[in-house]
């Protein structure tokens, strides 16, 4: 029974990773790849295949890094949108 559960995890992870190729939005593409590679990482860890573990771990970490950068940029953009620029008074010189 345990073998079937890990096979299902691997098929779901593979399906998500392949499905990510059809996603155009970068955020959702990275998120889908992160989830798919996480599931494949669990599967390859269970069946003890080092190449699968290492490759999925690397792709997982790369996508996690870019998702964190995306979140930081979004937060910075939100804070920039909410800050009010100081008003400057226009001065004219009298002749």
C-alpha atoms as a PDB file:
ATOM      1  CA  UNK A   1       0.000   0.000   0.000  1.00  0.00           C
ATOM      2  CA  UNK A   2       2.849   2.371   0.856  1.00  0.00           C
ATOM      3  CA  UNK A   3       4.343   1.831  -2.601  1.00  0.00           C
ATOM      4  CA  UNK A   4       1.083   2.913  -4.258  1.00  0.00           C
ATOM      5  CA  UNK A   5       0.954   6.120  -2.204  1.00  0.00           C
ATOM      6  CA  UNK A   6       4.453   7.127  -3.299  1.00  0.00           C
ATOM      7  CA  UNK A   7       3.653   6.224  -6.912  1.00  0.00           C
ATOM      8  CA  UNK A   8       0.616   8.507  -6.755  1.00  0.00           C
ATOM      9  CA  UNK A   9       2.791  11.285  -5.288  1.00  0.00           C
ATOM     10  CA  UNK A  10       5.255  10.886  -8.156  1.00  0.00           C
ATOM     11  CA  UNK A  11       2.521  10.956 -10.832  1.00  0.00           C
ATOM     12  CA  UNK A  12       0.940  14.059  -9.321  1.00  0.00           C
ATOM     13  CA  UNK A  13       4.322  15.780  -9.098  1.00  0.00           C
ATOM     14  CA  UNK A  14       5.187  14.836 -12.668  1.00  0.00           C
ATOM     15  CA  UNK A  15       1.805  16.040 -13.921  1.00  0.00           C
ATOM     16  CA  UNK A  16       2.221  19.391 -12.168  1.00  0.00           C
ATOM     17  CA  UNK A  17       5.772  19.834 -13.514  1.00  0.00           C
ATOM     18  CA  UNK A  18       4.715  19.028 -17.075  1.00  0.00           C
ATOM     19  CA  UNK A  19       1.618  21.205 -16.726  1.00  0.00           C
ATOM     20  CA  UNK A  20       3.859  24.105 -15.687  1.00  0.00           C
ATOM     21  CA  UNK A  21       5.143  24.278 -19.265  1.00  0.00           C
ATOM     22  CA  UNK A  22       1.704  25.563 -20.287  1.00  0.00           C
ATOM     23  CA  UNK A  23       1.587  28.353 -17.689  1.00  0.00           C
ATOM     24  CA  UNK A  24       2.442  31.816 -19.005  1.00  0.00           C
ATOM     25  CA  UNK A  25       2.334  33.808 -15.758  1.00  0.00           C
ATOM     26  CA  UNK A  26       5.795  33.607 -14.167  1.00  0.00           C
ATOM     27  CA  UNK A  27       4.521  33.569 -10.578  1.00  0.00           C
ATOM     28  CA  UNK A  28       2.174  30.630 -11.161  1.00  0.00           C
ATOM     29  CA  UNK A  29       4.786  28.842 -13.270  1.00  0.00           C
ATOM     30  CA  UNK A  30       7.338  29.020 -10.452  1.00  0.00           C
ATOM     31  CA  UNK A  31       4.767  28.053  -7.834  1.00  0.00           C
ATOM     32  CA  UNK A  32       3.587  25.039  -9.837  1.00  0.00           C
ATOM     33  CA  UNK A  33       7.165  23.940 -10.447  1.00  0.00           C
ATOM     34  CA  UNK A  34       7.942  24.350  -6.757  1.00  0.00           C
ATOM     35  CA  UNK A  35       5.006  22.139  -5.765  1.00  0.00           C
ATOM     36  CA  UNK A  36       5.704  19.543  -8.461  1.00  0.00           C
ATOM     37  CA  UNK A  37       9.403  19.303  -7.630  1.00  0.00           C
ATOM     38  CA  UNK A  38       8.590  19.076  -3.926  1.00  0.00           C
ATOM     39  CA  UNK A  39       6.440  16.036  -4.590  1.00  0.00           C
ATOM     40  CA  UNK A  40       9.078  14.481  -6.833  1.00  0.00           C
ATOM     41  CA  UNK A  41      11.721  15.211  -4.198  1.00  0.00           C
ATOM     42  CA  UNK A  42       9.660  13.251  -1.655  1.00  0.00           C
ATOM     43  CA  UNK A  43       9.267  10.373  -4.108  1.00  0.00           C
ATOM     44  CA  UNK A  44      12.945  10.190  -5.076  1.00  0.00           C
ATOM     45  CA  UNK A  45      13.962  10.443  -1.423  1.00  0.00           C
ATOM     46  CA  UNK A  46      11.729   7.493  -0.644  1.00  0.00           C
ATOM     47  CA  UNK A  47      13.105   5.282  -3.401  1.00  0.00           C
ATOM     48  CA  UNK A  48      16.685   6.494  -2.732  1.00  0.00           C
ATOM     49  CA  UNK A  49      17.716   7.803  -6.140  1.00  0.00           C
ATOM     50  CA  UNK A  50      20.334  10.500  -5.483  1.00  0.00           C
ATOM     51  CA  UNK A  51      20.164  12.055  -8.971  1.00  0.00           C
ATOM     52  CA  UNK A  52      16.419  12.574  -8.628  1.00  0.00           C
ATOM     53  CA  UNK A  53      16.778  13.968  -5.107  1.00  0.00           C
ATOM     54  CA  UNK A  54      19.549  16.401  -6.042  1.00  0.00           C
ATOM     55  CA  UNK A  55      18.015  17.615  -9.307  1.00  0.00           C
ATOM     56  CA  UNK A  56      14.570  18.195  -7.808  1.00  0.00           C
ATOM     57  CA  UNK A  57      16.053  19.832  -4.728  1.00  0.00           C
ATOM     58  CA  UNK A  58      18.031  22.248  -6.902  1.00  0.00           C
ATOM     59  CA  UNK A  59      15.012  23.168  -9.044  1.00  0.00           C
ATOM     60  CA  UNK A  60      12.928  23.522  -5.875  1.00  0.00           C
ATOM     61  CA  UNK A  61      15.485  25.876  -4.291  1.00  0.00           C
ATOM     62  CA  UNK A  62      15.859  27.955  -7.469  1.00  0.00           C
ATOM     63  CA  UNK A  63      12.104  28.452  -7.726  1.00  0.00           C
ATOM     64  CA  UNK A  64      11.813  29.209  -4.007  1.00  0.00           C
ATOM     65  CA  UNK A  65      14.543  31.863  -4.351  1.00  0.00           C
ATOM     66  CA  UNK A  66      12.773  33.573  -7.244  1.00  0.00           C
ATOM     67  CA  UNK A  67       9.399  33.400  -5.484  1.00  0.00           C
ATOM     68  CA  UNK A  68      10.929  35.129  -2.451  1.00  0.00           C
ATOM     69  CA  UNK A  69      12.429  37.795  -4.743  1.00  0.00           C
ATOM     70  CA  UNK A  70       9.043  38.188  -6.431  1.00  0.00           C
ATOM     71  CA  UNK A  71       7.354  38.659  -3.041  1.00  0.00           C
ATOM     72  CA  UNK A  72       9.973  41.225  -1.967  1.00  0.00           C
ATOM     73  CA  UNK A  73       9.583  43.184  -5.201  1.00  0.00           C
ATOM     74  CA  UNK A  74       5.816  43.127  -4.845  1.00  0.00           C
ATOM     75  CA  UNK A  75       6.073  44.347  -1.247  1.00  0.00           C
ATOM     76  CA  UNK A  76       8.447  47.122  -2.281  1.00  0.00           C
ATOM     77  CA  UNK A  77       6.096  48.134  -5.090  1.00  0.00           C
ATOM     78  CA  UNK A  78       3.147  48.265  -2.699  1.00  0.00           C
ATOM     79  CA  UNK A  79       5.047  50.422  -0.234  1.00  0.00           C
ATOM     80  CA  UNK A  80       6.190  52.700  -3.061  1.00  0.00           C
ATOM     81  CA  UNK A  81       2.604  53.059  -4.258  1.00  0.00           C
ATOM     82  CA  UNK A  82       1.398  54.014  -0.781  1.00  0.00           C
ATOM     83  CA  UNK A  83       4.034  56.623  -0.053  1.00  0.00           C
ATOM     84  CA  UNK A  84       3.010  60.144  -0.823  1.00  0.00           C
ATOM     85  CA  UNK A  85       5.557  62.364  -2.507  1.00  0.00           C
ATOM     86  CA  UNK A  86       6.179  65.589  -0.628  1.00  0.00           C
ATOM     87  CA  UNK A  87       4.575  68.577  -2.235  1.00  0.00           C
ATOM     88  CA  UNK A  88       6.856  71.266  -3.457  1.00  0.00           C
ATOM     89  CA  UNK A  89       5.781  74.848  -3.585  1.00  0.00           C
ATOM     90  CA  UNK A  90       6.423  76.619  -6.812  1.00  0.00           C
ATOM     91  CA  UNK A  91       8.088  79.910  -6.251  1.00  0.00           C
ATOM     92  CA  UNK A  92       8.192  82.766  -8.657  1.00  0.00           C
ATOM     93  CA  UNK A  93      10.659  85.563  -8.541  1.00  0.00           C
ATOM     94  CA  UNK A  94       9.335  89.077  -8.579  1.00  0.00           C
ATOM     95  CA  UNK A  95      10.963  91.316 -11.112  1.00  0.00           C
END
